[in-house]
Amino acid sequence: MSLLTMVQRSTDRIGIVKPTAVATSADQNVRQLFGLANQELRELARAHDWQALVKEHTWTAIASEDQGSIAYPSPNDLDRFI
């Protein structure tokens, strides 16, 4: 089910005009539903260690370096360690 379909079903239930777009909509009601959908999806993604979202990343350090002063870059899509 697409985001548009979910928002359209929600608008049908709460009695507001059904949108033709969500992410680009200027309608404040649609923007609010978009924000609520994003919040719920973030909470759902964090609720479990979904296998499809788990990735492995390796950092390599040199033993002679002062580990406290080195900042190792994290992947852009890092949410949390598991």
PDB file of N, CA and C in Angstrom:
ATOM      1  N   MET A   1       0.845  -1.166   0.000  1.00  0.00           N
ATOM      2  CA  MET A   1       0.000   0.000   0.000  1.00  0.00           C
ATOM      3  C   MET A   1       0.899   1.239   0.000  1.00  0.00           C
ATOM      4  N   SER A   2       0.563   2.190  -0.819  1.00  0.00           N
ATOM      5  CA  SER A   2       1.373   3.400  -0.926  1.00  0.00           C
ATOM      6  C   SER A   2       0.985   4.426   0.138  1.00  0.00           C
ATOM      7  N   LEU A   3       1.871   5.381   0.337  1.00  0.00           N
ATOM      8  CA  LEU A   3       1.595   6.478   1.262  1.00  0.00           C
ATOM      9  C   LEU A   3       0.353   7.233   0.824  1.00  0.00           C
ATOM     10  N   LEU A   4       0.230   7.475  -0.483  1.00  0.00           N
ATOM     11  CA  LEU A   4      -0.935   8.197  -1.005  1.00  0.00           C
ATOM     12  C   LEU A   4      -2.223   7.446  -0.664  1.00  0.00           C
ATOM     13  N   THR A   5      -2.220   6.140  -0.863  1.00  0.00           N
ATOM     14  CA  THR A   5      -3.407   5.336  -0.563  1.00  0.00           C
ATOM     15  C   THR A   5      -3.753   5.401   0.923  1.00  0.00           C
ATOM     16  N   MET A   6      -2.748   5.311   1.785  1.00  0.00           N
ATOM     17  CA  MET A   6      -2.998   5.389   3.226  1.00  0.00           C
ATOM     18  C   MET A   6      -3.587   6.739   3.610  1.00  0.00           C
ATOM     19  N   VAL A   7      -3.027   7.812   3.068  1.00  0.00           N
ATOM     20  CA  VAL A   7      -3.526   9.150   3.396  1.00  0.00           C
ATOM     21  C   VAL A   7      -4.931   9.337   2.831  1.00  0.00           C
ATOM     22  N   GLN A   8      -5.173   8.856   1.619  1.00  0.00           N
ATOM     23  CA  GLN A   8      -6.512   8.980   1.042  1.00  0.00           C
ATOM     24  C   GLN A   8      -7.542   8.228   1.878  1.00  0.00           C
ATOM     25  N   ARG A   9      -7.200   7.050   2.359  1.00  0.00           N
ATOM     26  CA  ARG A   9      -8.119   6.301   3.218  1.00  0.00           C
ATOM     27  C   ARG A   9      -8.368   7.045   4.524  1.00  0.00           C
ATOM     28  N   SER A  10      -7.325   7.693   5.044  1.00  0.00           N
ATOM     29  CA  SER A  10      -7.486   8.470   6.278  1.00  0.00           C
ATOM     30  C   SER A  10      -8.397   9.668   6.052  1.00  0.00           C
ATOM     31  N   THR A  11      -8.205  10.359   4.937  1.00  0.00           N
ATOM     32  CA  THR A  11      -9.036  11.536   4.657  1.00  0.00           C
ATOM     33  C   THR A  11     -10.491  11.133   4.455  1.00  0.00           C
ATOM     34  N   ASP A  12     -10.735   9.967   3.873  1.00  0.00           N
ATOM     35  CA  ASP A  12     -12.114   9.480   3.731  1.00  0.00           C
ATOM     36  C   ASP A  12     -12.754   9.288   5.100  1.00  0.00           C
ATOM     37  N   ARG A  13     -11.979   8.769   6.048  1.00  0.00           N
ATOM     38  CA  ARG A  13     -12.519   8.469   7.379  1.00  0.00           C
ATOM     39  C   ARG A  13     -12.755   9.723   8.217  1.00  0.00           C
ATOM     40  N   ILE A  14     -11.912  10.754   8.008  1.00  0.00           N
ATOM     41  CA  ILE A  14     -12.077  11.962   8.833  1.00  0.00           C
ATOM     42  C   ILE A  14     -12.840  13.072   8.096  1.00  0.00           C
ATOM     43  N   GLY A  15     -13.239  12.802   6.854  1.00  0.00           N
ATOM     44  CA  GLY A  15     -14.117  13.722   6.145  1.00  0.00           C
ATOM     45  C   GLY A  15     -13.473  14.961   5.573  1.00  0.00           C
ATOM     46  N   ILE A  16     -12.243  14.840   5.087  1.00  0.00           N
ATOM     47  CA  ILE A  16     -11.623  15.970   4.384  1.00  0.00           C
ATOM     48  C   ILE A  16     -11.355  15.562   2.941  1.00  0.00           C
ATOM     49  N   VAL A  17     -11.048  16.535   2.105  1.00  0.00           N
ATOM     50  CA  VAL A  17     -10.859  16.301   0.677  1.00  0.00           C
ATOM     51  C   VAL A  17      -9.711  15.333   0.434  1.00  0.00           C
ATOM     52  N   LYS A  18      -9.949  14.353  -0.437  1.00  0.00           N
ATOM     53  CA  LYS A  18      -8.946  13.346  -0.762  1.00  0.00           C
ATOM     54  C   LYS A  18      -7.851  13.987  -1.631  1.00  0.00           C
ATOM     55  N   PRO A  19      -6.581  13.894  -1.225  1.00  0.00           N
ATOM     56  CA  PRO A  19      -5.497  14.509  -1.991  1.00  0.00           C
ATOM     57  C   PRO A  19      -5.079  13.648  -3.188  1.00  0.00           C
ATOM     58  N   THR A  20      -4.422  14.285  -4.152  1.00  0.00           N
ATOM     59  CA  THR A  20      -3.855  13.564  -5.294  1.00  0.00           C
ATOM     60  C   THR A  20      -2.355  13.379  -5.113  1.00  0.00           C
ATOM     61  N   ALA A  21      -1.780  14.072  -4.139  1.00  0.00           N
ATOM     62  CA  ALA A  21      -0.359  13.952  -3.804  1.00  0.00           C
ATOM     63  C   ALA A  21      -0.210  14.194  -2.312  1.00  0.00           C
ATOM     64  N   VAL A  22       0.851  13.645  -1.740  1.00  0.00           N
ATOM     65  CA  VAL A  22       1.072  13.826  -0.301  1.00  0.00           C
ATOM     66  C   VAL A  22       2.340  14.639  -0.050  1.00  0.00           C
ATOM     67  N   ALA A  23       3.475  14.139  -0.504  1.00  0.00           N
ATOM     68  CA  ALA A  23       4.761  14.769  -0.184  1.00  0.00           C
ATOM     69  C   ALA A  23       4.874  16.196  -0.708  1.00  0.00           C
ATOM     70  N   THR A  24       4.204  16.502  -1.812  1.00  0.00           N
ATOM     71  CA  THR A  24       4.310  17.838  -2.401  1.00  0.00           C
ATOM     72  C   THR A  24       3.087  18.697  -2.131  1.00  0.00           C
ATOM     73  N   SER A  25       2.162  18.209  -1.348  1.00  0.00           N
ATOM     74  CA  SER A  25       0.922  18.935  -1.086  1.00  0.00           C
ATOM     75  C   SER A  25       1.176  20.173  -0.230  1.00  0.00           C
ATOM     76  N   ALA A  26       0.443  21.234  -0.533  1.00  0.00           N
ATOM     77  CA  ALA A  26       0.509  22.460   0.266  1.00  0.00           C
ATOM     78  C   ALA A  26      -0.640  22.515   1.267  1.00  0.00           C
ATOM     79  N   ASP A  27      -1.587  21.587   1.167  1.00  0.00           N
ATOM     80  CA  ASP A  27      -2.742  21.531   2.061  1.00  0.00           C
ATOM     81  C   ASP A  27      -2.266  21.177   3.472  1.00  0.00           C
ATOM     82  N   GLN A  28      -2.623  21.998   4.449  1.00  0.00           N
ATOM     83  CA  GLN A  28      -2.145  21.803   5.817  1.00  0.00           C
ATOM     84  C   GLN A  28      -2.620  20.482   6.413  1.00  0.00           C
ATOM     85  N   ASN A  29      -3.841  20.060   6.097  1.00  0.00           N
ATOM     86  CA  ASN A  29      -4.338  18.781   6.597  1.00  0.00           C
ATOM     87  C   ASN A  29      -3.513  17.616   6.059  1.00  0.00           C
ATOM     88  N   VAL A  30      -3.188  17.670   4.784  1.00  0.00           N
ATOM     89  CA  VAL A  30      -2.393  16.610   4.153  1.00  0.00           C
ATOM     90  C   VAL A  30      -0.974  16.629   4.710  1.00  0.00           C
ATOM     91  N   ARG A  31      -0.417  17.817   4.920  1.00  0.00           N
ATOM     92  CA  ARG A  31       0.930  17.930   5.504  1.00  0.00           C
ATOM     93  C   ARG A  31       0.952  17.314   6.908  1.00  0.00           C
ATOM     94  N   GLN A  32      -0.111  17.533   7.668  1.00  0.00           N
ATOM     95  CA  GLN A  32      -0.185  16.977   9.011  1.00  0.00           C
ATOM     96  C   GLN A  32      -0.272  15.445   8.954  1.00  0.00           C
ATOM     97  N   LEU A  33      -1.075  14.907   8.039  1.00  0.00           N
ATOM     98  CA  LEU A  33      -1.169  13.456   7.884  1.00  0.00           C
ATOM     99  C   LEU A  33       0.168  12.876   7.424  1.00  0.00           C
ATOM    100  N   PHE A  34       0.882  13.589   6.578  1.00  0.00           N
ATOM    101  CA  PHE A  34       2.211  13.165   6.123  1.00  0.00           C
ATOM    102  C   PHE A  34       3.165  13.106   7.309  1.00  0.00           C
ATOM    103  N   GLY A  35       3.139  14.121   8.147  1.00  0.00           N
ATOM    104  CA  GLY A  35       3.995  14.143   9.335  1.00  0.00           C
ATOM    105  C   GLY A  35       3.662  13.014  10.299  1.00  0.00           C
ATOM    106  N   LEU A  36       2.388  12.752  10.502  1.00  0.00           N
ATOM    107  CA  LEU A  36       1.975  11.657  11.376  1.00  0.00           C
ATOM    108  C   LEU A  36       2.406  10.302  10.813  1.00  0.00           C
ATOM    109  N   ALA A  37       2.286  10.131   9.503  1.00  0.00           N
ATOM    110  CA  ALA A  37       2.724   8.881   8.871  1.00  0.00           C
ATOM    111  C   ALA A  37       4.227   8.698   9.044  1.00  0.00           C
ATOM    112  N   ASN A  38       5.001   9.754   8.845  1.00  0.00           N
ATOM    113  CA  ASN A  38       6.461   9.671   9.024  1.00  0.00           C
ATOM    114  C   ASN A  38       6.827   9.327  10.465  1.00  0.00           C
ATOM    115  N   GLN A  39       6.150   9.951  11.411  1.00  0.00           N
ATOM    116  CA  GLN A  39       6.414   9.670  12.824  1.00  0.00           C
ATOM    117  C   GLN A  39       6.112   8.209  13.143  1.00  0.00           C
ATOM    118  N   GLU A  40       4.998   7.713  12.674  1.00  0.00           N
ATOM    119  CA  GLU A  40       4.621   6.326  12.940  1.00  0.00           C
ATOM    120  C   GLU A  40       5.612   5.353  12.294  1.00  0.00           C
ATOM    121  N   LEU A  41       6.055   5.650  11.082  1.00  0.00           N
ATOM    122  CA  LEU A  41       7.017   4.772  10.404  1.00  0.00           C
ATOM    123  C   LEU A  41       8.367   4.759  11.110  1.00  0.00           C
ATOM    124  N   ARG A  42       8.809   5.913  11.627  1.00  0.00           N
ATOM    125  CA  ARG A  42      10.059   5.957  12.394  1.00  0.00           C
ATOM    126  C   ARG A  42       9.939   5.103  13.654  1.00  0.00           C
ATOM    127  N   GLU A  43       8.814   5.216  14.339  1.00  0.00           N
ATOM    128  CA  GLU A  43       8.599   4.430  15.550  1.00  0.00           C
ATOM    129  C   GLU A  43       8.547   2.936  15.234  1.00  0.00           C
ATOM    130  N   LEU A  44       7.906   2.581  14.148  1.00  0.00           N
ATOM    131  CA  LEU A  44       7.830   1.184  13.738  1.00  0.00           C
ATOM    132  C   LEU A  44       9.204   0.643  13.373  1.00  0.00           C
ATOM    133  N   ALA A  45      10.000   1.444  12.667  1.00  0.00           N
ATOM    134  CA  ALA A  45      11.346   1.014  12.272  1.00  0.00           C
ATOM    135  C   ALA A  45      12.232   0.788  13.494  1.00  0.00           C
ATOM    136  N   ARG A  46      12.064   1.589  14.537  1.00  0.00           N
ATOM    137  CA  ARG A  46      12.883   1.465  15.739  1.00  0.00           C
ATOM    138  C   ARG A  46      12.361   0.405  16.709  1.00  0.00           C
ATOM    139  N   ALA A  47      11.129  -0.040  16.526  1.00  0.00           N
ATOM    140  CA  ALA A  47      10.518  -0.985  17.461  1.00  0.00           C
ATOM    141  C   ALA A  47      11.137  -2.376  17.379  1.00  0.00           C
ATOM    142  N   HIS A  48      11.743  -2.713  16.254  1.00  0.00           N
ATOM    143  CA  HIS A  48      12.299  -4.048  16.053  1.00  0.00           C
ATOM    144  C   HIS A  48      13.605  -3.940  15.271  1.00  0.00           C
ATOM    145  N   ASP A  49      14.408  -4.974  15.343  1.00  0.00           N
ATOM    146  CA  ASP A  49      15.623  -5.042  14.524  1.00  0.00           C
ATOM    147  C   ASP A  49      15.265  -5.743  13.217  1.00  0.00           C
ATOM    148  N   TRP A  50      14.601  -5.007  12.331  1.00  0.00           N
ATOM    149  CA  TRP A  50      14.135  -5.557  11.064  1.00  0.00           C
ATOM    150  C   TRP A  50      15.326  -6.018  10.230  1.00  0.00           C
ATOM    151  N   GLN A  51      15.328  -7.276   9.813  1.00  0.00           N
ATOM    152  CA  GLN A  51      16.434  -7.831   9.027  1.00  0.00           C
ATOM    153  C   GLN A  51      16.702  -7.026   7.759  1.00  0.00           C
ATOM    154  N   ALA A  52      15.648  -6.534   7.113  1.00  0.00           N
ATOM    155  CA  ALA A  52      15.822  -5.770   5.876  1.00  0.00           C
ATOM    156  C   ALA A  52      16.528  -4.438   6.115  1.00  0.00           C
ATOM    157  N   LEU A  53      16.540  -3.962   7.359  1.00  0.00           N
ATOM    158  CA  LEU A  53      17.161  -2.678   7.674  1.00  0.00           C
ATOM    159  C   LEU A  53      18.534  -2.823   8.315  1.00  0.00           C
ATOM    160  N   VAL A  54      18.936  -4.057   8.622  1.00  0.00           N
ATOM    161  CA  VAL A  54      20.212  -4.295   9.297  1.00  0.00           C
ATOM    162  C   VAL A  54      21.331  -4.374   8.271  1.00  0.00           C
ATOM    163  N   LYS A  55      22.377  -3.619   8.506  1.00  0.00           N
ATOM    164  CA  LYS A  55      23.570  -3.638   7.660  1.00  0.00           C
ATOM    165  C   LYS A  55      24.791  -3.793   8.549  1.00  0.00           C
ATOM    166  N   GLU A  56      25.839  -4.340   7.991  1.00  0.00           N
ATOM    167  CA  GLU A  56      27.090  -4.470   8.725  1.00  0.00           C
ATOM    168  C   GLU A  56      28.077  -3.445   8.190  1.00  0.00           C
ATOM    169  N   HIS A  57      28.817  -2.835   9.097  1.00  0.00           N
ATOM    170  CA  HIS A  57      29.836  -1.849   8.715  1.00  0.00           C
ATOM    171  C   HIS A  57      31.090  -2.133   9.527  1.00  0.00           C
ATOM    172  N   THR A  58      32.237  -1.984   8.906  1.00  0.00           N
ATOM    173  CA  THR A  58      33.500  -2.255   9.585  1.00  0.00           C
ATOM    174  C   THR A  58      34.342  -0.984   9.637  1.00  0.00           C
ATOM    175  N   TRP A  59      34.858  -0.692  10.826  1.00  0.00           N
ATOM    176  CA  TRP A  59      35.813   0.391  10.996  1.00  0.00           C
ATOM    177  C   TRP A  59      37.178  -0.248  11.202  1.00  0.00           C
ATOM    178  N   THR A  60      38.192   0.340  10.617  1.00  0.00           N
ATOM    179  CA  THR A  60      39.548  -0.182  10.769  1.00  0.00           C
ATOM    180  C   THR A  60      40.394   0.863  11.479  1.00  0.00           C
ATOM    181  N   ALA A  61      41.071   0.439  12.528  1.00  0.00           N
ATOM    182  CA  ALA A  61      41.929   1.342  13.296  1.00  0.00           C
ATOM    183  C   ALA A  61      43.349   0.799  13.303  1.00  0.00           C
ATOM    184  N   ILE A  62      44.295   1.694  13.467  1.00  0.00           N
ATOM    185  CA  ILE A  62      45.701   1.316  13.563  1.00  0.00           C
ATOM    186  C   ILE A  62      46.083   1.380  15.030  1.00  0.00           C
ATOM    187  N   ALA A  63      46.703   0.320  15.539  1.00  0.00           N
ATOM    188  CA  ALA A  63      46.985   0.195  16.973  1.00  0.00           C
ATOM    189  C   ALA A  63      47.830   1.339  17.520  1.00  0.00           C
ATOM    190  N   SER A  64      48.687   1.931  16.724  1.00  0.00           N
ATOM    191  CA  SER A  64      49.562   2.976  17.239  1.00  0.00           C
ATOM    192  C   SER A  64      48.889   4.339  17.316  1.00  0.00           C
ATOM    193  N   GLU A  65      47.700   4.492  16.757  1.00  0.00           N
ATOM    194  CA  GLU A  65      47.013   5.776  16.782  1.00  0.00           C
ATOM    195  C   GLU A  65      46.333   6.000  18.135  1.00  0.00           C
ATOM    196  N   ASP A  66      46.250   7.251  18.519  1.00  0.00           N
ATOM    197  CA  ASP A  66      45.509   7.618  19.730  1.00  0.00           C
ATOM    198  C   ASP A  66      44.021   7.531  19.380  1.00  0.00           C
ATOM    199  N   GLN A  67      43.352   6.495  19.851  1.00  0.00           N
ATOM    200  CA  GLN A  67      41.968   6.229  19.472  1.00  0.00           C
ATOM    201  C   GLN A  67      41.001   7.316  19.953  1.00  0.00           C
ATOM    202  N   GLY A  68      41.340   8.002  21.008  1.00  0.00           N
ATOM    203  CA  GLY A  68      40.444   9.026  21.541  1.00  0.00           C
ATOM    204  C   GLY A  68      40.366  10.274  20.686  1.00  0.00           C
ATOM    205  N   SER A  69      41.359  10.506  19.843  1.00  0.00           N
ATOM    206  CA  SER A  69      41.368  11.739  19.064  1.00  0.00           C
ATOM    207  C   SER A  69      40.953  11.533  17.614  1.00  0.00           C
ATOM    208  N   ILE A  70      40.567  10.323  17.265  1.00  0.00           N
ATOM    209  CA  ILE A  70      40.195  10.038  15.881  1.00  0.00           C
ATOM    210  C   ILE A  70      38.679   9.911  15.774  1.00  0.00           C
ATOM    211  N   ALA A  71      38.117  10.589  14.805  1.00  0.00           N
ATOM    212  CA  ALA A  71      36.680  10.488  14.549  1.00  0.00           C
ATOM    213  C   ALA A  71      36.481   9.605  13.331  1.00  0.00           C
ATOM    214  N   TYR A  72      35.905   8.445  13.538  1.00  0.00           N
ATOM    215  CA  TYR A  72      35.633   7.539  12.431  1.00  0.00           C
ATOM    216  C   TYR A  72      34.265   7.876  11.855  1.00  0.00           C
ATOM    217  N   PRO A  73      34.194   8.103  10.556  1.00  0.00           N
ATOM    218  CA  PRO A  73      32.900   8.472   9.963  1.00  0.00           C
ATOM    219  C   PRO A  73      31.905   7.313  10.027  1.00  0.00           C
ATOM    220  N   SER A  74      30.684   7.634  10.366  1.00  0.00           N
ATOM    221  CA  SER A  74      29.615   6.644  10.393  1.00  0.00           C
ATOM    222  C   SER A  74      28.881   6.676   9.058  1.00  0.00           C
ATOM    223  N   PRO A  75      28.276   5.572   8.672  1.00  0.00           N
ATOM    224  CA  PRO A  75      27.476   5.557   7.443  1.00  0.00           C
ATOM    225  C   PRO A  75      26.329   6.569   7.553  1.00  0.00           C
ATOM    226  N   ASN A  76      25.959   7.174   6.428  1.00  0.00           N
ATOM    227  CA  ASN A  76      24.899   8.181   6.432  1.00  0.00           C
ATOM    228  C   ASN A  76      23.555   7.629   6.888  1.00  0.00           C
ATOM    229  N   ASP A  77      23.328   6.344   6.669  1.00  0.00           N
ATOM    230  CA  ASP A  77      22.043   5.766   7.026  1.00  0.00           C
ATOM    231  C   ASP A  77      22.031   5.088   8.395  1.00  0.00           C
ATOM    232  N   LEU A  78      23.047   5.349   9.223  1.00  0.00           N
ATOM    233  CA  LEU A  78      23.108   4.757  10.555  1.00  0.00           C
ATOM    234  C   LEU A  78      22.027   5.341  11.454  1.00  0.00           C
ATOM    235  N   ASP A  79      21.230   4.473  12.038  1.00  0.00           N
ATOM    236  CA  ASP A  79      20.214   4.909  13.000  1.00  0.00           C
ATOM    237  C   ASP A  79      20.661   4.577  14.411  1.00  0.00           C
ATOM    238  N   ARG A  80      21.113   3.315  14.612  1.00  0.00           N
ATOM    239  CA  ARG A  80      21.549   2.890  15.931  1.00  0.00           C
ATOM    240  C   ARG A  80      22.359   1.608  15.798  1.00  0.00           C
ATOM    241  N   PHE A  81      23.106   1.291  16.849  1.00  0.00           N
ATOM    242  CA  PHE A  81      23.850   0.041  16.910  1.00  0.00           C
ATOM    243  C   PHE A  81      22.948  -1.023  17.512  1.00  0.00           C
ATOM    244  N   ILE A  82      23.089  -2.247  17.032  1.00  0.00           N
ATOM    245  CA  ILE A  82      22.313  -3.344  17.634  1.00  0.00           C
ATOM    246  C   ILE A  82      23.251  -4.416  18.139  1.00  0.00           C
TER     247      ILE A  82
END
